[in-house]
Amino acid sequence: MSSKSKTIFVCTECGTQQPKWIGQCPDCGAWNTLQENLTAPAASKNRFQGYAGPAQNRVQVLADVSLEE
């Protein structure tokens, strides 16, 4: 499943990036200098990835579990 490309708007005068088009650049104050650019989607990460420690091979009876360390 591919991710959707993200659109950003970059000022041609100062290079600042904005998530939406606005008429005037908030950093340098230039008018109509924001141009639309598409960014590549980020690499997909497995959000379920993790480490749970070494697996235990045997089942323990609850009564056999010690509560003391």
PDB file of N, CA and C in Angstrom:
ATOM      1  N   MET A   1       0.848  -1.166   0.000  1.00  0.00           N
ATOM      2  CA  MET A   1       0.000   0.000   0.000  1.00  0.00           C
ATOM      3  C   MET A   1       0.897   1.232   0.000  1.00  0.00           C
ATOM      4  N   SER A   2       0.783   2.072  -0.997  1.00  0.00           N
ATOM      5  CA  SER A   2       1.643   3.241  -1.087  1.00  0.00           C
ATOM      6  C   SER A   2       1.003   4.434  -0.388  1.00  0.00           C
ATOM      7  N   SER A   3       1.864   5.279   0.142  1.00  0.00           N
ATOM      8  CA  SER A   3       1.397   6.468   0.834  1.00  0.00           C
ATOM      9  C   SER A   3       1.120   7.565  -0.174  1.00  0.00           C
ATOM     10  N   LYS A   4       0.276   8.479   0.207  1.00  0.00           N
ATOM     11  CA  LYS A   4      -0.063   9.608  -0.630  1.00  0.00           C
ATOM     12  C   LYS A   4       1.043  10.655  -0.540  1.00  0.00           C
ATOM     13  N   SER A   5       1.392  11.271  -1.663  1.00  0.00           N
ATOM     14  CA  SER A   5       2.386  12.338  -1.659  1.00  0.00           C
ATOM     15  C   SER A   5       1.825  13.551  -0.935  1.00  0.00           C
ATOM     16  N   LYS A   6       2.697  14.262  -0.253  1.00  0.00           N
ATOM     17  CA  LYS A   6       2.281  15.431   0.504  1.00  0.00           C
ATOM     18  C   LYS A   6       2.624  16.684  -0.294  1.00  0.00           C
ATOM     19  N   THR A   7       1.727  17.650  -0.313  1.00  0.00           N
ATOM     20  CA  THR A   7       1.952  18.903  -1.004  1.00  0.00           C
ATOM     21  C   THR A   7       2.444  19.943  -0.013  1.00  0.00           C
ATOM     22  N   ILE A   8       3.544  20.606  -0.364  1.00  0.00           N
ATOM     23  CA  ILE A   8       4.019  21.736   0.424  1.00  0.00           C
ATOM     24  C   ILE A   8       4.197  22.914  -0.515  1.00  0.00           C
ATOM     25  N   PHE A   9       4.208  24.097   0.040  1.00  0.00           N
ATOM     26  CA  PHE A   9       4.379  25.310  -0.737  1.00  0.00           C
ATOM     27  C   PHE A   9       5.653  25.996  -0.272  1.00  0.00           C
ATOM     28  N   VAL A  10       6.558  26.263  -1.228  1.00  0.00           N
ATOM     29  CA  VAL A  10       7.874  26.815  -0.923  1.00  0.00           C
ATOM     30  C   VAL A  10       7.972  28.216  -1.510  1.00  0.00           C
ATOM     31  N   CYS A  11       8.457  29.156  -0.698  1.00  0.00           N
ATOM     32  CA  CYS A  11       8.658  30.530  -1.150  1.00  0.00           C
ATOM     33  C   CYS A  11       9.887  30.575  -2.052  1.00  0.00           C
ATOM     34  N   THR A  12       9.746  31.180  -3.233  1.00  0.00           N
ATOM     35  CA  THR A  12      10.870  31.279  -4.165  1.00  0.00           C
ATOM     36  C   THR A  12      11.867  32.354  -3.748  1.00  0.00           C
ATOM     37  N   GLU A  13      11.491  33.228  -2.841  1.00  0.00           N
ATOM     38  CA  GLU A  13      12.390  34.290  -2.384  1.00  0.00           C
ATOM     39  C   GLU A  13      13.271  33.839  -1.221  1.00  0.00           C
ATOM     40  N   CYS A  14      12.663  33.226  -0.197  1.00  0.00           N
ATOM     41  CA  CYS A  14      13.432  32.895   1.012  1.00  0.00           C
ATOM     42  C   CYS A  14      13.515  31.395   1.295  1.00  0.00           C
ATOM     43  N   GLY A  15      12.702  30.576   0.612  1.00  0.00           N
ATOM     44  CA  GLY A  15      12.777  29.130   0.779  1.00  0.00           C
ATOM     45  C   GLY A  15      11.956  28.559   1.922  1.00  0.00           C
ATOM     46  N   THR A  16      11.195  29.382   2.616  1.00  0.00           N
ATOM     47  CA  THR A  16      10.372  28.866   3.711  1.00  0.00           C
ATOM     48  C   THR A  16       9.288  27.941   3.165  1.00  0.00           C
ATOM     49  N   GLN A  17       8.873  26.971   3.969  1.00  0.00           N
ATOM     50  CA  GLN A  17       7.868  25.995   3.546  1.00  0.00           C
ATOM     51  C   GLN A  17       6.591  26.195   4.349  1.00  0.00           C
ATOM     52  N   GLN A  18       5.466  26.091   3.663  1.00  0.00           N
ATOM     53  CA  GLN A  18       4.153  26.234   4.282  1.00  0.00           C
ATOM     54  C   GLN A  18       3.296  25.032   3.906  1.00  0.00           C
ATOM     55  N   PRO A  19       2.404  24.583   4.807  1.00  0.00           N
ATOM     56  CA  PRO A  19       1.547  23.439   4.480  1.00  0.00           C
ATOM     57  C   PRO A  19       0.397  23.802   3.536  1.00  0.00           C
ATOM     58  N   LYS A  20       0.024  25.087   3.482  1.00  0.00           N
ATOM     59  CA  LYS A  20      -1.073  25.542   2.622  1.00  0.00           C
ATOM     60  C   LYS A  20      -0.619  26.769   1.845  1.00  0.00           C
ATOM     61  N   TRP A  21      -1.284  27.013   0.714  1.00  0.00           N
ATOM     62  CA  TRP A  21      -0.955  28.204  -0.055  1.00  0.00           C
ATOM     63  C   TRP A  21      -1.569  29.406   0.636  1.00  0.00           C
ATOM     64  N   ILE A  22      -0.772  30.429   0.801  1.00  0.00           N
ATOM     65  CA  ILE A  22      -1.258  31.718   1.289  1.00  0.00           C
ATOM     66  C   ILE A  22      -0.662  32.770   0.373  1.00  0.00           C
ATOM     67  N   GLY A  23      -1.294  33.872   0.218  1.00  0.00           N
ATOM     68  CA  GLY A  23      -0.854  34.886  -0.742  1.00  0.00           C
ATOM     69  C   GLY A  23       0.491  35.499  -0.439  1.00  0.00           C
ATOM     70  N   GLN A  24       0.791  35.706   0.836  1.00  0.00           N
ATOM     71  CA  GLN A  24       2.029  36.377   1.224  1.00  0.00           C
ATOM     72  C   GLN A  24       2.873  35.454   2.093  1.00  0.00           C
ATOM     73  N   CYS A  25       4.171  35.434   1.826  1.00  0.00           N
ATOM     74  CA  CYS A  25       5.088  34.633   2.635  1.00  0.00           C
ATOM     75  C   CYS A  25       5.173  35.241   4.030  1.00  0.00           C
ATOM     76  N   PRO A  26       4.934  34.456   5.081  1.00  0.00           N
ATOM     77  CA  PRO A  26       4.975  35.007   6.434  1.00  0.00           C
ATOM     78  C   PRO A  26       6.390  35.355   6.901  1.00  0.00           C
ATOM     79  N   ASP A  27       7.420  34.798   6.264  1.00  0.00           N
ATOM     80  CA  ASP A  27       8.796  35.076   6.693  1.00  0.00           C
ATOM     81  C   ASP A  27       9.380  36.321   6.032  1.00  0.00           C
ATOM     82  N   CYS A  28       9.325  36.384   4.695  1.00  0.00           N
ATOM     83  CA  CYS A  28       9.958  37.519   4.008  1.00  0.00           C
ATOM     84  C   CYS A  28       8.962  38.584   3.571  1.00  0.00           C
ATOM     85  N   GLY A  29       7.665  38.272   3.585  1.00  0.00           N
ATOM     86  CA  GLY A  29       6.642  39.256   3.231  1.00  0.00           C
ATOM     87  C   GLY A  29       6.391  39.398   1.740  1.00  0.00           C
ATOM     88  N   ALA A  30       7.042  38.609   0.895  1.00  0.00           N
ATOM     89  CA  ALA A  30       6.857  38.701  -0.555  1.00  0.00           C
ATOM     90  C   ALA A  30       5.495  38.132  -0.942  1.00  0.00           C
ATOM     91  N   TRP A  31       4.869  38.763  -1.927  1.00  0.00           N
ATOM     92  CA  TRP A  31       3.553  38.336  -2.386  1.00  0.00           C
ATOM     93  C   TRP A  31       3.668  37.389  -3.576  1.00  0.00           C
ATOM     94  N   ASN A  32       2.785  36.389  -3.621  1.00  0.00           N
ATOM     95  CA  ASN A  32       2.649  35.434  -4.733  1.00  0.00           C
ATOM     96  C   ASN A  32       3.964  34.733  -5.086  1.00  0.00           C
ATOM     97  N   THR A  33       4.733  34.361  -4.094  1.00  0.00           N
ATOM     98  CA  THR A  33       6.005  33.677  -4.342  1.00  0.00           C
ATOM     99  C   THR A  33       5.971  32.217  -3.895  1.00  0.00           C
ATOM    100  N   LEU A  34       4.839  31.741  -3.388  1.00  0.00           N
ATOM    101  CA  LEU A  34       4.749  30.354  -2.931  1.00  0.00           C
ATOM    102  C   LEU A  34       4.413  29.446  -4.112  1.00  0.00           C
ATOM    103  N   GLN A  35       5.263  28.454  -4.351  1.00  0.00           N
ATOM    104  CA  GLN A  35       5.042  27.501  -5.426  1.00  0.00           C
ATOM    105  C   GLN A  35       4.809  26.113  -4.843  1.00  0.00           C
ATOM    106  N   GLU A  36       3.893  25.395  -5.470  1.00  0.00           N
ATOM    107  CA  GLU A  36       3.514  24.060  -4.995  1.00  0.00           C
ATOM    108  C   GLU A  36       4.587  23.036  -5.353  1.00  0.00           C
ATOM    109  N   ASN A  37       4.956  22.211  -4.377  1.00  0.00           N
ATOM    110  CA  ASN A  37       5.903  21.111  -4.576  1.00  0.00           C
ATOM    111  C   ASN A  37       5.327  19.857  -3.946  1.00  0.00           C
ATOM    112  N   LEU A  38       5.554  18.718  -4.602  1.00  0.00           N
ATOM    113  CA  LEU A  38       5.135  17.438  -4.040  1.00  0.00           C
ATOM    114  C   LEU A  38       6.341  16.790  -3.387  1.00  0.00           C
ATOM    115  N   THR A  39       6.157  16.293  -2.176  1.00  0.00           N
ATOM    116  CA  THR A  39       7.231  15.591  -1.485  1.00  0.00           C
ATOM    117  C   THR A  39       7.012  14.096  -1.638  1.00  0.00           C
ATOM    118  N   ALA A  40       8.085  13.353  -1.640  1.00  0.00           N
ATOM    119  CA  ALA A  40       7.997  11.897  -1.733  1.00  0.00           C
ATOM    120  C   ALA A  40       7.417  11.353  -0.434  1.00  0.00           C
ATOM    121  N   PRO A  41       6.568  10.348  -0.520  1.00  0.00           N
ATOM    122  CA  PRO A  41       6.023   9.766   0.708  1.00  0.00           C
ATOM    123  C   PRO A  41       7.130   9.122   1.536  1.00  0.00           C
ATOM    124  N   ALA A  42       6.987   9.206   2.836  1.00  0.00           N
ATOM    125  CA  ALA A  42       7.973   8.619   3.747  1.00  0.00           C
ATOM    126  C   ALA A  42       7.939   7.101   3.632  1.00  0.00           C
ATOM    127  N   ALA A  43       9.061   6.494   3.898  1.00  0.00           N
ATOM    128  CA  ALA A  43       9.134   5.036   3.872  1.00  0.00           C
ATOM    129  C   ALA A  43       8.185   4.468   4.922  1.00  0.00           C
ATOM    130  N   SER A  44       7.464   3.447   4.545  1.00  0.00           N
ATOM    131  CA  SER A  44       6.500   2.838   5.453  1.00  0.00           C
ATOM    132  C   SER A  44       7.220   2.089   6.565  1.00  0.00           C
ATOM    133  N   LYS A  45       6.816   2.361   7.774  1.00  0.00           N
ATOM    134  CA  LYS A  45       7.388   1.656   8.916  1.00  0.00           C
ATOM    135  C   LYS A  45       6.323   0.730   9.488  1.00  0.00           C
ATOM    136  N   ASN A  46       6.760  -0.407   9.939  1.00  0.00           N
ATOM    137  CA  ASN A  46       5.841  -1.338  10.565  1.00  0.00           C
ATOM    138  C   ASN A  46       5.528  -0.815  11.958  1.00  0.00           C
ATOM    139  N   ARG A  47       4.330  -0.343  12.167  1.00  0.00           N
ATOM    140  CA  ARG A  47       3.994   0.252  13.462  1.00  0.00           C
ATOM    141  C   ARG A  47       3.853  -0.794  14.568  1.00  0.00           C
ATOM    142  N   PHE A  48       3.837  -2.075  14.202  1.00  0.00           N
ATOM    143  CA  PHE A  48       3.730  -3.134  15.193  1.00  0.00           C
ATOM    144  C   PHE A  48       5.090  -3.740  15.531  1.00  0.00           C
ATOM    145  N   GLN A  49       6.130  -3.172  14.986  1.00  0.00           N
ATOM    146  CA  GLN A  49       7.475  -3.687  15.208  1.00  0.00           C
ATOM    147  C   GLN A  49       7.906  -3.386  16.635  1.00  0.00           C
ATOM    148  N   GLY A  50       8.555  -4.325  17.247  1.00  0.00           N
ATOM    149  CA  GLY A  50       9.028  -4.122  18.607  1.00  0.00           C
ATOM    150  C   GLY A  50       9.795  -5.331  19.088  1.00  0.00           C
ATOM    151  N   TYR A  51      10.226  -5.262  20.319  1.00  0.00           N
ATOM    152  CA  TYR A  51      10.974  -6.364  20.905  1.00  0.00           C
ATOM    153  C   TYR A  51      10.365  -6.680  22.254  1.00  0.00           C
ATOM    154  N   ALA A  52       9.934  -7.900  22.427  1.00  0.00           N
ATOM    155  CA  ALA A  52       9.283  -8.308  23.666  1.00  0.00           C
ATOM    156  C   ALA A  52      10.200  -9.125  24.553  1.00  0.00           C
ATOM    157  N   GLY A  53      11.452  -9.263  24.169  1.00  0.00           N
ATOM    158  CA  GLY A  53      12.383 -10.054  24.965  1.00  0.00           C
ATOM    159  C   GLY A  53      12.441 -11.480  24.476  1.00  0.00           C
ATOM    160  N   PRO A  54      13.288 -12.286  25.114  1.00  0.00           N
ATOM    161  CA  PRO A  54      13.410 -13.680  24.682  1.00  0.00           C
ATOM    162  C   PRO A  54      12.126 -14.463  24.983  1.00  0.00           C
ATOM    163  N   ALA A  55      11.789 -15.344  24.083  1.00  0.00           N
ATOM    164  CA  ALA A  55      10.573 -16.141  24.250  1.00  0.00           C
ATOM    165  C   ALA A  55      10.799 -17.236  25.282  1.00  0.00           C
ATOM    166  N   GLN A  56       9.788 -17.490  26.067  1.00  0.00           N
ATOM    167  CA  GLN A  56       9.844 -18.582  27.038  1.00  0.00           C
ATOM    168  C   GLN A  56       9.188 -19.789  26.387  1.00  0.00           C
ATOM    169  N   ASN A  57       9.841 -20.932  26.499  1.00  0.00           N
ATOM    170  CA  ASN A  57       9.374 -22.123  25.809  1.00  0.00           C
ATOM    171  C   ASN A  57       8.342 -22.927  26.582  1.00  0.00           C
ATOM    172  N   ARG A  58       8.188 -22.682  27.844  1.00  0.00           N
ATOM    173  CA  ARG A  58       7.248 -23.514  28.601  1.00  0.00           C
ATOM    174  C   ARG A  58       6.194 -22.638  29.276  1.00  0.00           C
ATOM    175  N   VAL A  59       5.062 -23.235  29.516  1.00  0.00           N
ATOM    176  CA  VAL A  59       3.966 -22.561  30.191  1.00  0.00           C
ATOM    177  C   VAL A  59       4.155 -22.722  31.687  1.00  0.00           C
ATOM    178  N   GLN A  60       3.962 -21.637  32.427  1.00  0.00           N
ATOM    179  CA  GLN A  60       4.075 -21.705  33.881  1.00  0.00           C
ATOM    180  C   GLN A  60       2.688 -21.687  34.505  1.00  0.00           C
ATOM    181  N   VAL A  61       2.510 -22.518  35.499  1.00  0.00           N
ATOM    182  CA  VAL A  61       1.269 -22.519  36.259  1.00  0.00           C
ATOM    183  C   VAL A  61       1.298 -21.285  37.153  1.00  0.00           C
ATOM    184  N   LEU A  62       0.194 -20.597  37.269  1.00  0.00           N
ATOM    185  CA  LEU A  62       0.132 -19.358  38.031  1.00  0.00           C
ATOM    186  C   LEU A  62       0.537 -19.568  39.485  1.00  0.00           C
ATOM    187  N   ALA A  63       0.205 -20.703  40.055  1.00  0.00           N
ATOM    188  CA  ALA A  63       0.564 -20.986  41.447  1.00  0.00           C
ATOM    189  C   ALA A  63       2.073 -21.149  41.625  1.00  0.00           C
ATOM    190  N   ASP A  64       2.801 -21.471  40.554  1.00  0.00           N
ATOM    191  CA  ASP A  64       4.250 -21.661  40.630  1.00  0.00           C
ATOM    192  C   ASP A  64       5.042 -20.359  40.492  1.00  0.00           C
ATOM    193  N   VAL A  65       4.383 -19.263  40.148  1.00  0.00           N
ATOM    194  CA  VAL A  65       5.070 -17.991  39.951  1.00  0.00           C
ATOM    195  C   VAL A  65       5.364 -17.367  41.304  1.00  0.00           C
ATOM    196  N   SER A  66       6.623 -16.991  41.524  1.00  0.00           N
ATOM    197  CA  SER A  66       7.035 -16.377  42.786  1.00  0.00           C
ATOM    198  C   SER A  66       6.748 -14.880  42.738  1.00  0.00           C
ATOM    199  N   LEU A  67       6.229 -14.335  43.830  1.00  0.00           N
ATOM    200  CA  LEU A  67       5.949 -12.910  43.902  1.00  0.00           C
ATOM    201  C   LEU A  67       7.140 -12.127  44.431  1.00  0.00           C
ATOM    202  N   GLU A  68       8.145 -12.807  44.919  1.00  0.00           N
ATOM    203  CA  GLU A  68       9.331 -12.153  45.460  1.00  0.00           C
ATOM    204  C   GLU A  68      10.402 -12.070  44.385  1.00  0.00           C
ATOM    205  N   GLU A  69      11.217 -11.028  44.473  1.00  0.00           N
ATOM    206  CA  GLU A  69      12.287 -10.864  43.486  1.00  0.00           C
ATOM    207  C   GLU A  69      13.563 -11.480  43.966  1.00  0.00           C
TER     208      GLU A  69
END
